[in-house]
């Protein structure tokens, strides 16, 4: 869930009181579980934190494979792990079988394939808009009031988080059914086409970034300023008398107003955002401005939409002799148009919700920076939820604890946690160091195999990107290679020729946005971010899942 070390306050303030309960709400809404099947409120069972990283209890999700008609453990595992090796096998538990829950799950499953719209999404956006627009002037709140607001927002966070998890499960099931039926129709490569060009909300920022990149590319003034580097860019443009500079700044302000809540992490409160650190989106814009006009994503989207319609007709024709399978496929294709965009919309809602919570902490922590107590506002997040009240009363008592935890955080960030484990969590000593003996680099002619999630073939030099916090030198046409990506990475895809990720599955962010932007993508490629080096020329085949080294 988190792609980085979680801060103590993020975890202790929201894990058991929001994330855990929201996930349970989603599972119960599906009918697969009832509330009494979970541990008492306050005890985490769906999520856990080990070695500073948040883990999901996939055993609970595997129960879906047992209780849901037509679903399997293998399908559930594939949605979480892709083709990741060494996943512990399912171990049956007598509690997993539950005929009553199976019937309820079957009713929920059938409802997915008859759903043509989700009016609740518009209601949720209105609710979130109201919450954000009614934010009080935080500078006028007392320290205690800021802390109280941080805690009061748990109920809203639980609501939006539960909706996102629910839509994620809906999307997983729909995508799995599409994959199963296209494979049965001897056309597994068409599954990606059926889930392409769906007007995904999280891809809209990429389209807007593309429009901004064309504003820059067509102005000698702006190109010159970008050539001088993104550090200090906005200040230089503010001082510029040129009309192009003023036009760009107006457009930029609109972009940040709409998308400033995005950041390197959706869930972590200490994460910087586009608004708080504009260098991140400016660096992506700097990459996109260098792409040729022929890379325009809207033109590719139009072509992809036509290919999607053609693929649906072709699969339906292949199933003409099996009315039941044909009807199920058409229902799944229709459901994909509903639930995959819904999944991304609810994820954006969660991102906005996280920023709303973060705003109170940023204000509160900033006050202690001004007093010389903290070096950065984010250090407030090194405290546990039950320690913050004491810190407000007597911050001096917590100086040593904050320093120790800062050192601990840096140590954890230097480690690779195991992707999956069974039983007792491994000790920190078992975590691999980031700086270690490197895995052998790929060799000419070698093929790495992953999960194909976005069709097309592209050959280009690899560009390994660890984080958006890094100043990437991605050149147009290069292949992004990463451990994982998230919503805020979308604009970086504009300049890329293809995407390869070490983790992920069919409905992971990299897969969904790559399909929307029309670039090949392969995910769940073991060790790709370690073995593929910058500049290595690779061919990415988004239909077969093969990444071939030149």
Protein backbone atom coordinates (compact mmCIF):
# COMPACT_ATOMS: atom_id res chain seq x y z
CA UNK A 1 0.00 0.00 0.00
CA UNK A 2 2.75 2.47 1.01
CA UNK A 3 5.79 2.49 -1.25
CA UNK A 4 8.03 4.04 1.40
CA UNK A 5 8.61 3.92 5.13
CA UNK A 6 5.53 5.10 6.99
CA UNK A 7 5.97 7.82 9.61
CA UNK A 8 4.95 7.03 13.21
CA UNK A 9 2.14 9.60 13.28
CA UNK A 10 0.71 8.58 9.91
CA UNK A 11 0.51 4.99 11.10
CA UNK A 12 -0.57 5.47 14.72
CA UNK A 13 -3.00 8.29 13.91
CA UNK A 14 -4.85 6.64 11.05
CA UNK A 15 -4.05 2.92 10.72
CA UNK A 16 -6.40 1.30 13.23
CA UNK A 17 -8.91 4.15 13.31
CA UNK A 18 -9.37 4.71 9.57
CA UNK A 19 -7.42 2.50 7.18
CA UNK A 20 -8.22 -0.77 8.95
CA UNK A 21 -11.89 0.08 9.48
CA UNK A 22 -12.33 1.45 5.97
CA UNK A 23 -10.96 -1.74 4.45
CA UNK A 24 -13.33 -3.79 6.61
CA UNK A 25 -16.22 -1.59 5.48
CA UNK A 26 -15.40 -2.36 1.84
CA UNK A 27 -15.23 -6.12 2.41
CA UNK A 28 -18.55 -6.05 4.24
CA UNK A 29 -20.20 -3.94 1.53
CA UNK A 30 -19.28 -6.66 -0.94
CA UNK A 31 -21.05 -9.18 1.25
CA UNK A 32 -17.95 -11.37 1.51
CA UNK A 33 -17.50 -10.70 5.23
CA UNK A 34 -19.60 -9.59 8.17
CA UNK A 35 -18.25 -7.23 10.86
CA UNK A 36 -18.26 -9.95 13.52
CA UNK A 37 -15.66 -11.95 11.56
CA UNK A 38 -12.97 -9.37 12.31
CA UNK A 39 -10.94 -8.68 15.42
CA UNK A 40 -12.27 -6.03 17.84
CA UNK A 41 -12.10 -2.40 16.72
CA UNK A 42 -8.70 -0.99 17.58
CA UNK A 43 -6.82 -4.14 16.57
CA UNK A 44 -5.33 -4.25 13.09
CA UNK A 45 -6.00 -7.37 11.04
CA UNK A 46 -6.22 -6.18 7.44
CA UNK A 47 -3.08 -4.06 7.57
CA UNK A 48 0.08 -4.25 9.64
CA UNK A 49 3.34 -2.35 10.04
CA UNK A 50 6.63 -4.22 10.18
CA UNK A 51 10.10 -2.77 9.83
CA UNK A 52 8.53 0.61 9.13
CA UNK A 53 6.60 -0.63 6.07
CA UNK A 54 2.87 -1.20 5.75
CA UNK A 55 1.81 -4.70 4.72
CA UNK A 56 -1.56 -6.04 3.59
CA UNK A 57 -3.01 -9.28 4.89
CA UNK A 58 -3.57 -11.00 1.58
CA UNK A 59 -5.00 -14.03 3.37
CA UNK A 60 -8.19 -12.03 3.89
CA UNK A 61 -8.41 -11.17 0.22
CA UNK A 62 -7.81 -14.81 -0.67
CA UNK A 63 -11.07 -15.59 1.12
CA UNK A 64 -12.73 -13.82 -1.83
CA UNK A 65 -11.33 -16.57 -4.03
CA UNK A 66 -13.03 -19.14 -1.81
CA UNK A 67 -16.37 -17.45 -1.25
CA UNK A 68 -16.95 -15.69 -4.56
CA UNK A 69 -18.57 -17.77 -7.33
CA UNK A 70 -16.36 -18.08 -10.39
CA UNK A 71 -13.35 -16.57 -8.63
CA UNK A 72 -10.18 -18.41 -7.62
CA UNK A 73 -7.22 -18.02 -5.29
CA UNK A 74 -4.99 -17.78 -8.36
CA UNK A 75 -7.01 -14.87 -9.79
CA UNK A 76 -6.85 -13.00 -6.48
CA UNK A 77 -3.11 -13.60 -6.17
CA UNK A 78 -2.51 -12.41 -9.72
CA UNK A 79 -4.37 -9.16 -9.02
CA UNK A 80 -2.08 -8.46 -6.05
CA UNK A 81 1.23 -10.01 -7.08
CA UNK A 82 1.14 -10.28 -10.85
CA UNK A 83 3.74 -12.94 -11.67
CA UNK A 84 5.89 -12.17 -8.63
CA UNK A 85 7.78 -15.34 -7.60
CA UNK A 86 7.88 -17.02 -4.21
CA UNK A 87 4.37 -16.07 -3.13
CA UNK A 88 3.37 -18.32 -0.18
CA UNK A 89 0.70 -20.86 -1.14
CA UNK A 90 -2.87 -20.60 0.05
CA UNK A 91 -3.44 -22.58 3.22
CA UNK A 92 -7.12 -23.49 3.72
CA UNK A 93 -8.81 -22.39 6.92
CA UNK A 94 -12.15 -23.92 7.98
CA UNK A 95 -13.50 -20.41 8.52
CA UNK A 96 -13.00 -19.53 4.86
CA UNK A 97 -15.96 -21.61 3.67
CA UNK A 98 -19.23 -19.78 4.35
CA UNK A 99 -22.27 -20.58 2.17
CA UNK A 100 -24.23 -17.55 3.36
CA UNK A 101 -21.38 -15.17 2.50
CA UNK A 102 -20.90 -16.98 -0.80
CA UNK A 103 -24.52 -16.27 -1.72
CA UNK A 104 -24.13 -12.61 -0.76
CA UNK A 105 -20.88 -12.38 -2.73
CA UNK A 106 -22.61 -13.93 -5.73
CA UNK A 107 -25.31 -11.27 -5.62
CA UNK A 108 -22.67 -8.55 -5.42
CA UNK A 109 -20.76 -10.10 -8.30
CA UNK A 110 -23.84 -10.22 -10.52
CA UNK A 111 -24.59 -6.59 -9.71
CA UNK A 112 -21.25 -5.50 -11.17
CA UNK A 113 -22.17 -6.65 -14.66
CA UNK A 114 -25.46 -4.77 -14.70
CA UNK A 115 -24.07 -1.48 -13.36
CA UNK A 116 -23.95 1.22 -16.03
CA UNK A 117 -23.30 4.28 -13.87
CA UNK A 118 -22.24 5.26 -10.37
CA UNK A 119 -24.03 8.46 -9.29
CA UNK A 120 -22.43 8.10 -5.86
CA UNK A 121 -19.13 9.32 -7.34
CA UNK A 122 -20.55 12.76 -8.09
CA UNK A 123 -22.00 12.85 -4.58
CA UNK A 124 -18.60 11.97 -3.13
CA UNK A 125 -16.86 14.71 -5.09
CA UNK A 126 -19.44 17.21 -3.86
CA UNK A 127 -18.89 16.02 -0.30
CA UNK A 128 -15.13 16.38 -0.67
CA UNK A 129 -15.45 19.80 -2.30
CA UNK A 130 -17.57 20.92 0.64
CA UNK A 131 -15.01 19.61 3.10
CA UNK A 132 -12.09 21.33 1.37
CA UNK A 133 -13.94 24.59 0.76
CA UNK A 134 -15.11 24.80 4.37
CA UNK A 135 -11.59 24.46 5.75
CA UNK A 136 -11.13 27.11 8.44
CA UNK A 137 -8.25 29.56 8.35
CA UNK A 138 -5.69 27.23 9.90
CA UNK A 139 -3.44 30.11 10.91
CA UNK A 140 -6.17 31.28 13.33
CA UNK A 141 -6.56 27.90 15.07
CA UNK A 142 -4.76 27.11 18.29
CA UNK A 143 -2.27 24.25 18.44
CA UNK A 144 -4.83 22.11 20.25
CA UNK A 145 -7.48 22.93 17.63
CA UNK A 146 -5.15 21.95 14.81
CA UNK A 147 -4.44 18.61 16.48
CA UNK A 148 -8.15 18.08 17.09
CA UNK A 149 -8.87 18.74 13.41
CA UNK A 150 -6.22 16.20 12.42
CA UNK A 151 -8.08 13.60 14.45
CA UNK A 152 -11.61 14.69 13.54
CA UNK A 153 -10.92 14.03 9.85
CA UNK A 154 -10.54 10.29 10.50
CA UNK A 155 -14.24 9.66 9.87
CA UNK A 156 -14.09 11.33 6.45
CA UNK A 157 -10.85 9.55 5.61
CA UNK A 158 -12.42 6.20 6.54
CA UNK A 159 -15.38 6.91 4.28
CA UNK A 160 -13.31 7.85 1.22
CA UNK A 161 -10.77 5.10 1.82
CA UNK A 162 -13.50 2.46 2.09
CA UNK A 163 -14.98 3.65 -1.19
CA UNK A 164 -11.60 3.38 -2.90
CA UNK A 165 -10.96 -0.14 -1.62
CA UNK A 166 -14.45 -1.18 -2.68
CA UNK A 167 -13.95 0.15 -6.21
CA UNK A 168 -10.54 -1.49 -6.34
CA UNK A 169 -12.05 -4.89 -5.62
CA UNK A 170 -14.78 -4.21 -8.20
CA UNK A 171 -12.11 -3.36 -10.76
CA UNK A 172 -10.02 -6.40 -9.86
CA UNK A 173 -12.94 -8.72 -10.39
CA UNK A 174 -14.01 -7.10 -13.65
CA UNK A 175 -10.46 -7.11 -15.02
CA UNK A 176 -10.05 -10.76 -13.98
CA UNK A 177 -13.25 -11.76 -15.79
CA UNK A 178 -12.14 -9.92 -18.95
CA UNK A 179 -8.77 -11.69 -18.78
CA UNK A 180 -10.35 -15.10 -18.20
CA UNK A 181 -12.80 -14.81 -21.08
CA UNK A 182 -10.33 -13.38 -23.61
CA UNK A 183 -7.91 -16.17 -22.71
CA UNK A 184 -10.68 -18.74 -23.20
CA UNK A 185 -11.39 -17.14 -26.57
CA UNK A 186 -7.73 -17.72 -27.52
CA UNK A 187 -7.00 -13.99 -27.50
CA UNK A 188 -5.41 -13.16 -24.13
CA UNK A 189 -3.60 -10.17 -25.62
CA UNK A 190 -6.95 -8.44 -26.19
CA UNK A 191 -7.66 -8.06 -22.47
CA UNK A 192 -5.54 -4.90 -22.38
CA UNK A 193 -7.40 -3.45 -25.37
CA UNK A 194 -10.75 -3.98 -23.65
CA UNK A 195 -9.56 -1.95 -20.65
CA UNK A 196 -8.04 0.89 -22.70
CA UNK A 197 -9.30 4.46 -23.39
CA UNK A 198 -11.75 4.61 -20.50
CA UNK A 199 -11.39 8.31 -19.60
CA UNK A 200 -9.44 7.56 -16.44
CA UNK A 201 -9.59 10.56 -14.03
CA UNK A 202 -5.99 10.18 -12.86
CA UNK A 203 -4.81 10.47 -16.47
CA UNK A 204 -6.42 13.89 -16.92
CA UNK A 205 -3.54 15.68 -15.23
CA UNK A 206 -1.27 14.13 -17.86
CA UNK A 207 -3.42 15.52 -20.66
CA UNK A 208 -3.34 18.96 -19.02
CA UNK A 209 0.42 18.70 -18.56
CA UNK A 210 0.73 17.89 -22.24
CA UNK A 211 -1.17 21.05 -23.14
CA UNK A 212 1.17 23.05 -20.90
CA UNK A 213 4.17 21.41 -22.54
CA UNK A 214 2.97 22.65 -25.94
CA UNK A 215 2.69 26.19 -24.54
CA UNK A 216 6.34 25.93 -23.53
CA UNK A 217 7.52 24.20 -26.71
CA UNK A 218 6.04 26.94 -28.92
CA UNK A 219 7.61 29.85 -27.05
CA UNK A 220 11.25 30.80 -27.47
CA UNK A 221 11.01 32.78 -24.24
CA UNK A 222 9.75 29.84 -22.20
CA UNK A 223 12.11 27.35 -23.82
CA UNK A 224 15.04 29.57 -22.92
CA UNK A 225 13.91 29.80 -19.29
CA UNK A 226 13.39 26.03 -19.03
CA UNK A 227 16.82 25.47 -20.56
CA UNK A 228 18.22 27.45 -17.62
CA UNK A 229 16.82 24.84 -15.21
CA UNK A 230 13.68 24.44 -13.11
CA UNK A 231 15.34 25.71 -9.93
CA UNK A 232 14.22 29.31 -9.62
CA UNK A 233 12.16 29.00 -12.82
CA UNK A 234 8.91 30.40 -11.42
CA UNK A 235 10.74 33.32 -9.82
CA UNK A 236 12.46 34.18 -13.10
CA UNK A 237 9.15 34.05 -14.95
CA UNK A 238 7.52 36.29 -12.33
CA UNK A 239 10.24 38.86 -12.95
CA UNK A 240 9.93 38.58 -16.72
CA UNK A 241 8.05 41.32 -18.62
CA UNK A 242 7.33 38.90 -21.50
CA UNK A 243 3.70 38.10 -22.31
CA UNK A 244 4.52 34.43 -22.78
CA UNK A 245 5.79 34.28 -19.20
CA UNK A 246 2.58 35.81 -17.86
CA UNK A 247 0.43 33.47 -19.93
CA UNK A 248 2.34 30.44 -18.71
CA UNK A 249 2.14 31.50 -15.06
CA UNK A 250 -1.63 31.90 -15.34
CA UNK A 251 -1.97 28.43 -16.86
CA UNK A 252 0.42 27.02 -14.27
CA UNK A 253 -1.61 28.49 -11.42
CA UNK A 254 -4.74 26.82 -12.81
CA UNK A 255 -2.93 23.49 -13.05
CA UNK A 256 -1.67 23.67 -9.47
CA UNK A 257 -5.10 24.73 -8.26
CA UNK A 258 -6.55 21.55 -9.74
CA UNK A 259 -3.71 19.12 -9.12
CA UNK A 260 -1.55 20.61 -6.38
CA UNK A 261 -2.69 17.95 -3.89
CA UNK A 262 -0.78 15.24 -5.77
CA UNK A 263 2.59 14.16 -4.46
CA UNK A 264 5.13 11.40 -4.27
CA UNK A 265 2.94 9.42 -1.87
CA UNK A 266 -0.84 9.23 -1.73
CA UNK A 267 -1.04 8.00 1.85
CA UNK A 268 1.98 9.35 3.74
CA UNK A 269 1.37 12.68 5.50
CA UNK A 270 4.98 13.85 5.29
CA UNK A 271 5.04 13.61 1.50
CA UNK A 272 5.63 16.78 -0.51
CA UNK A 273 2.98 17.74 -3.06
CA UNK A 274 2.96 19.52 -6.40
CA UNK A 275 1.90 22.68 -4.54
CA UNK A 276 4.46 22.47 -1.73
CA UNK A 277 7.34 21.44 -4.01
CA UNK A 278 6.60 22.58 -7.58
CA UNK A 279 10.00 21.34 -8.73
CA UNK A 280 8.48 17.85 -9.05
CA UNK A 281 5.81 18.74 -11.65
CA UNK A 282 8.12 21.29 -13.27
CA UNK A 283 10.73 18.59 -13.85
CA UNK A 284 8.08 16.42 -15.50
CA UNK A 285 6.95 19.36 -17.61
CA UNK A 286 10.58 19.94 -18.56
CA UNK A 287 10.72 16.37 -19.88
CA UNK A 288 7.37 16.61 -21.68
CA UNK A 289 8.21 19.87 -23.50
CA UNK A 290 10.98 18.04 -25.34
CA UNK A 291 8.62 15.41 -26.76
CA UNK A 292 7.53 15.90 -30.38
CA UNK A 293 3.97 16.92 -31.26
CA UNK A 294 3.44 13.42 -32.65
CA UNK A 295 3.42 12.14 -29.03
CA UNK A 296 0.13 13.96 -28.35
CA UNK A 297 -1.84 11.65 -26.01
CA UNK A 298 -5.30 12.73 -27.15
CA UNK A 299 -4.62 11.59 -30.71
CA UNK A 300 -3.44 8.23 -29.45
CA UNK A 301 -6.48 8.00 -27.19
CA UNK A 302 -8.82 8.39 -30.17
CA UNK A 303 -7.06 5.55 -31.96
CA UNK A 304 -7.13 3.40 -28.84
CA UNK A 305 -10.84 3.97 -28.36
CA UNK A 306 -11.49 2.64 -31.87
CA UNK A 307 -9.24 -0.37 -31.17
CA UNK A 308 -11.13 -1.06 -27.97
CA UNK A 309 -14.47 -1.12 -29.75
CA UNK A 310 -13.03 -3.40 -32.43
CA UNK A 311 -11.57 -5.80 -29.84
CA UNK A 312 -14.91 -6.06 -28.04
CA UNK A 313 -16.70 -6.85 -31.28
CA UNK A 314 -14.10 -9.45 -32.23
CA UNK A 315 -14.22 -11.26 -28.87
CA UNK A 316 -18.03 -11.18 -28.89
CA UNK A 317 -17.99 -12.71 -32.37
CA UNK A 318 -15.66 -15.48 -31.24
CA UNK A 319 -18.11 -16.27 -28.45
CA UNK A 320 -21.19 -16.24 -30.67
CA UNK A 321 -21.69 -19.97 -30.11
CA UNK A 322 -21.79 -19.57 -26.32
CA UNK A 323 -24.52 -17.11 -25.38
CA UNK A 324 -23.73 -17.25 -21.68
CA UNK A 325 -20.01 -16.54 -22.12
CA UNK A 326 -20.74 -13.83 -24.68
CA UNK A 327 -23.19 -12.10 -22.36
CA UNK A 328 -20.75 -12.33 -19.46
CA UNK A 329 -17.97 -10.85 -21.57
CA UNK A 330 -20.09 -7.92 -22.81
CA UNK A 331 -21.19 -7.27 -19.24
CA UNK A 332 -17.58 -7.29 -18.08
CA UNK A 333 -16.52 -4.93 -20.89
CA UNK A 334 -19.30 -2.54 -19.92
CA UNK A 335 -18.39 -2.86 -16.24
CA UNK A 336 -14.76 -2.02 -17.05
CA UNK A 337 -15.92 1.34 -18.42
CA UNK A 338 -17.63 2.00 -15.10
CA UNK A 339 -15.38 0.59 -12.41
CA UNK A 340 -11.83 1.20 -13.64
CA UNK A 341 -12.39 4.98 -13.89
CA UNK A 342 -14.24 4.78 -10.55
CA UNK A 343 -11.24 3.14 -8.94
CA UNK A 344 -8.97 5.96 -10.09
CA UNK A 345 -11.49 8.66 -9.15
CA UNK A 346 -11.79 7.30 -5.61
CA UNK A 347 -8.00 7.15 -5.39
CA UNK A 348 -7.82 10.82 -6.33
CA UNK A 349 -10.43 11.52 -3.66
CA UNK A 350 -8.21 9.79 -1.12
CA UNK A 351 -5.24 11.87 -2.27
CA UNK A 352 -7.21 15.08 -1.76
CA UNK A 353 -8.32 13.79 1.64
CA UNK A 354 -4.72 13.09 2.63
CA UNK A 355 -3.75 16.65 1.71
CA UNK A 356 -6.64 18.01 3.79
CA UNK A 357 -5.30 16.12 6.81
CA UNK A 358 -1.72 17.06 6.00
CA UNK A 359 -2.60 20.78 5.91
CA UNK A 360 -3.30 20.85 9.64
CA UNK A 361 -0.06 19.05 10.44
CA UNK A 362 1.93 21.32 8.13
CA UNK A 363 0.59 24.39 9.93
CA UNK A 364 1.14 22.88 13.35
CA UNK A 365 4.64 21.61 12.63
CA UNK A 366 5.58 24.89 10.97
CA UNK A 367 4.91 26.75 14.18
CA UNK A 368 7.48 24.66 16.02
CA UNK A 369 9.96 25.24 13.21
CA UNK A 370 9.47 28.97 13.71
CA UNK A 371 10.15 28.51 17.42
CA UNK A 372 13.37 26.63 16.67
CA UNK A 373 12.06 23.38 18.20
CA UNK A 374 11.89 21.40 14.93
CA UNK A 375 14.18 21.58 11.92
CA UNK A 376 11.33 20.79 9.50
CA UNK A 377 7.58 20.53 10.01
CA UNK A 378 7.68 16.90 8.91
CA UNK A 379 9.52 16.01 12.15
CA UNK A 380 6.19 16.32 13.92
CA UNK A 381 5.28 13.05 12.20
CA UNK A 382 8.04 11.25 14.11
CA UNK A 383 5.79 11.31 17.16
CA UNK A 384 3.06 8.78 17.90
CA UNK A 385 -0.54 9.88 18.15
CA UNK A 386 -0.56 9.49 21.93
CA UNK A 387 2.62 11.59 22.23
CA UNK A 388 1.59 14.70 20.33
CA UNK A 389 -0.49 16.20 23.14
CA UNK A 390 2.50 15.95 25.48
CA UNK A 391 4.73 17.49 22.82
CA UNK A 392 2.42 20.51 22.53
CA UNK A 393 2.64 21.03 26.29
CA UNK A 394 6.39 20.47 26.65
CA UNK A 395 8.23 19.97 23.34
CA UNK A 396 11.62 19.92 25.03
CA UNK A 397 10.89 16.49 26.51
CA UNK A 398 10.72 14.96 23.04
CA UNK A 399 13.88 16.30 21.42
CA UNK A 400 15.95 13.16 21.97
CA UNK A 401 13.09 10.87 20.92
CA UNK A 402 12.59 12.80 17.69
CA UNK A 403 16.31 12.68 16.93
CA UNK A 404 16.44 8.93 17.56
CA UNK A 405 13.43 8.30 15.35
CA UNK A 406 14.83 10.49 12.59
CA UNK A 407 17.94 8.31 12.62
CA UNK A 408 15.74 5.20 12.65
CA UNK A 409 13.74 6.49 9.72
CA UNK A 410 16.90 7.03 7.70
CA UNK A 411 18.06 3.51 8.56
CA UNK A 412 14.75 2.00 7.42
CA UNK A 413 14.86 3.99 4.19
CA UNK A 414 18.25 2.40 3.48
CA UNK A 415 16.72 -1.09 3.56
CA UNK A 416 14.71 -3.16 1.09
CA UNK A 417 11.83 -4.83 2.95
CA UNK A 418 10.66 -8.26 1.78
CA UNK A 419 7.83 -7.88 -0.72
CA UNK A 420 5.88 -10.72 0.83
CA UNK A 421 6.29 -12.94 3.90
CA UNK A 422 4.35 -15.61 5.78
CA UNK A 423 4.05 -16.03 9.53
CA UNK A 424 6.15 -13.91 11.85
CA UNK A 425 7.62 -10.80 10.19
CA UNK A 426 11.34 -11.11 9.48
CA UNK A 427 13.69 -9.09 11.71
CA UNK A 428 15.23 -5.90 10.41
CA UNK A 429 18.54 -7.71 10.15
CA UNK A 430 17.04 -9.80 7.35
CA UNK A 431 16.20 -6.72 5.25
CA UNK A 432 18.57 -6.16 2.36
CA UNK A 433 20.60 -2.96 2.14
CA UNK A 434 19.95 -0.57 -0.73
CA UNK A 435 23.70 -0.40 -1.12
CA UNK A 436 24.63 -4.02 -1.63
CA UNK A 437 26.37 -6.26 -4.08
CA UNK A 438 24.42 -5.48 -7.25
CA UNK A 439 22.45 -8.16 -9.01
CA UNK A 440 23.99 -9.13 -12.35
CA UNK A 441 23.11 -6.68 -15.07
CA UNK A 442 21.04 -7.87 -18.00
CA UNK A 443 22.98 -9.14 -21.00
CA UNK A 444 22.45 -8.76 -24.72
CA UNK A 445 19.66 -10.98 -25.97
CA UNK A 446 18.29 -11.70 -22.49
CA UNK A 447 14.55 -11.57 -21.96
CA UNK A 448 12.80 -10.56 -18.76
CA UNK A 449 9.21 -11.71 -18.46
CA UNK A 450 6.40 -9.86 -16.71
CA UNK A 451 2.69 -9.21 -16.97
CA UNK A 452 1.62 -7.45 -20.20
CA UNK A 453 -0.74 -4.60 -19.31
CA UNK A 454 -0.63 -2.11 -22.18
CA UNK A 455 -0.24 -3.13 -25.81
CA UNK A 456 2.37 -2.00 -28.29
CA UNK A 457 6.07 -2.51 -28.91
CA UNK A 458 8.75 0.10 -28.28
CA UNK A 459 12.54 0.03 -28.37
CA UNK A 460 14.57 2.63 -26.53
CA UNK A 461 17.21 3.28 -23.87
CA UNK A 462 16.20 2.52 -20.28
CA UNK A 463 15.90 5.23 -17.66
CA UNK A 464 15.76 3.84 -14.12
CA UNK A 465 13.77 6.13 -11.83
CA UNK A 466 13.67 5.45 -8.10
CA UNK A 467 11.40 8.31 -7.06
CA UNK A 468 9.81 11.51 -8.29
CA UNK A 469 11.97 13.22 -5.70
CA UNK A 470 14.93 12.40 -7.93
CA UNK A 471 15.81 14.82 -10.71
CA UNK A 472 15.18 12.49 -13.63
CA UNK A 473 16.95 13.11 -16.93
CA UNK A 474 14.33 11.14 -18.87
CA UNK A 475 14.65 11.85 -22.58
CA UNK A 476 11.77 11.52 -25.07
CA UNK A 477 11.33 7.91 -26.14
CA UNK A 478 13.24 6.40 -23.24
CA UNK A 479 11.79 3.49 -21.29
CA UNK A 480 10.86 4.23 -17.68
CA UNK A 481 12.04 1.43 -15.40
CA UNK A 482 10.81 1.65 -11.80
CA UNK A 483 9.91 -0.47 -8.82
CA UNK A 484 6.42 1.03 -8.86
CA UNK A 485 4.62 4.23 -9.85
CA UNK A 486 1.63 6.14 -8.54
CA UNK A 487 -0.85 8.84 -9.55
CA UNK A 488 1.64 11.69 -9.47
CA UNK A 489 3.89 9.94 -12.01
CA UNK A 490 1.38 10.28 -14.85
CA UNK A 491 2.85 13.37 -16.55
CA UNK A 492 6.28 11.74 -16.64
CA UNK A 493 4.79 9.08 -18.92
CA UNK A 494 4.22 11.77 -21.57
CA UNK A 495 7.86 11.71 -22.60
CA UNK A 496 8.33 7.96 -22.19
CA UNK A 497 8.24 5.41 -24.96
CA UNK A 498 7.26 2.57 -22.61
CA UNK A 499 7.07 1.66 -18.92
CA UNK A 500 8.48 -1.36 -17.08
CA UNK A 501 7.76 -1.91 -13.37
CA UNK A 502 9.08 -4.41 -10.88
CA UNK A 503 5.70 -4.77 -9.15
CA UNK A 504 2.10 -4.25 -10.20
CA UNK A 505 -0.80 -5.94 -11.92
CA UNK A 506 -3.47 -5.24 -14.52
CA UNK A 507 -5.13 -2.41 -12.59
CA UNK A 508 -2.03 -0.89 -11.03
CA UNK A 509 -1.46 2.79 -11.77
CA UNK A 510 1.33 2.20 -14.28
CA UNK A 511 -0.91 -0.17 -16.23
CA UNK A 512 -4.00 2.04 -16.27
CA UNK A 513 -2.26 5.29 -17.20
CA UNK A 514 -0.02 3.62 -19.79
CA UNK A 515 -3.14 2.27 -21.50
CA UNK A 516 -4.78 5.69 -21.43
CA UNK A 517 -1.70 7.36 -22.91
CA UNK A 518 -1.17 4.61 -25.46
CA UNK A 519 2.33 3.45 -24.52
CA UNK A 520 3.44 -0.16 -23.98
CA UNK A 521 3.81 -1.34 -20.40
CA UNK A 522 4.90 -4.51 -18.63
CA UNK A 523 4.67 -4.91 -14.86
CA UNK A 524 5.70 -7.49 -12.27
CA UNK A 525 9.12 -7.89 -13.92
CA UNK A 526 11.39 -9.40 -11.23
CA UNK A 527 14.47 -7.32 -10.31
CA UNK A 528 14.11 -5.11 -13.38
CA UNK A 529 14.92 -1.90 -11.50
CA UNK A 530 18.16 -3.43 -10.26
CA UNK A 531 19.29 -5.41 -13.29
CA UNK A 532 18.45 -2.96 -16.08
CA UNK A 533 20.94 -0.09 -16.08
CA UNK A 534 20.51 3.42 -17.45
CA UNK A 535 21.10 3.51 -21.18
CA UNK A 536 20.51 -0.20 -21.77
CA UNK A 537 18.49 -0.49 -24.97
CA UNK A 538 15.44 -2.67 -24.43
CA UNK A 539 12.41 -3.66 -26.48
CA UNK A 540 9.18 -3.64 -24.47
CA UNK A 541 6.36 -5.79 -25.84
CA UNK A 542 3.17 -4.84 -24.03
CA UNK A 543 1.27 -7.71 -25.65
CA UNK A 544 3.50 -10.60 -24.56
CA UNK A 545 5.09 -9.18 -21.40
CA UNK A 546 8.61 -9.60 -22.77
CA UNK A 547 11.37 -7.08 -22.14
CA UNK A 548 14.24 -7.95 -24.48
CA UNK A 549 17.74 -6.56 -24.13
CA UNK A 550 19.31 -5.43 -27.41
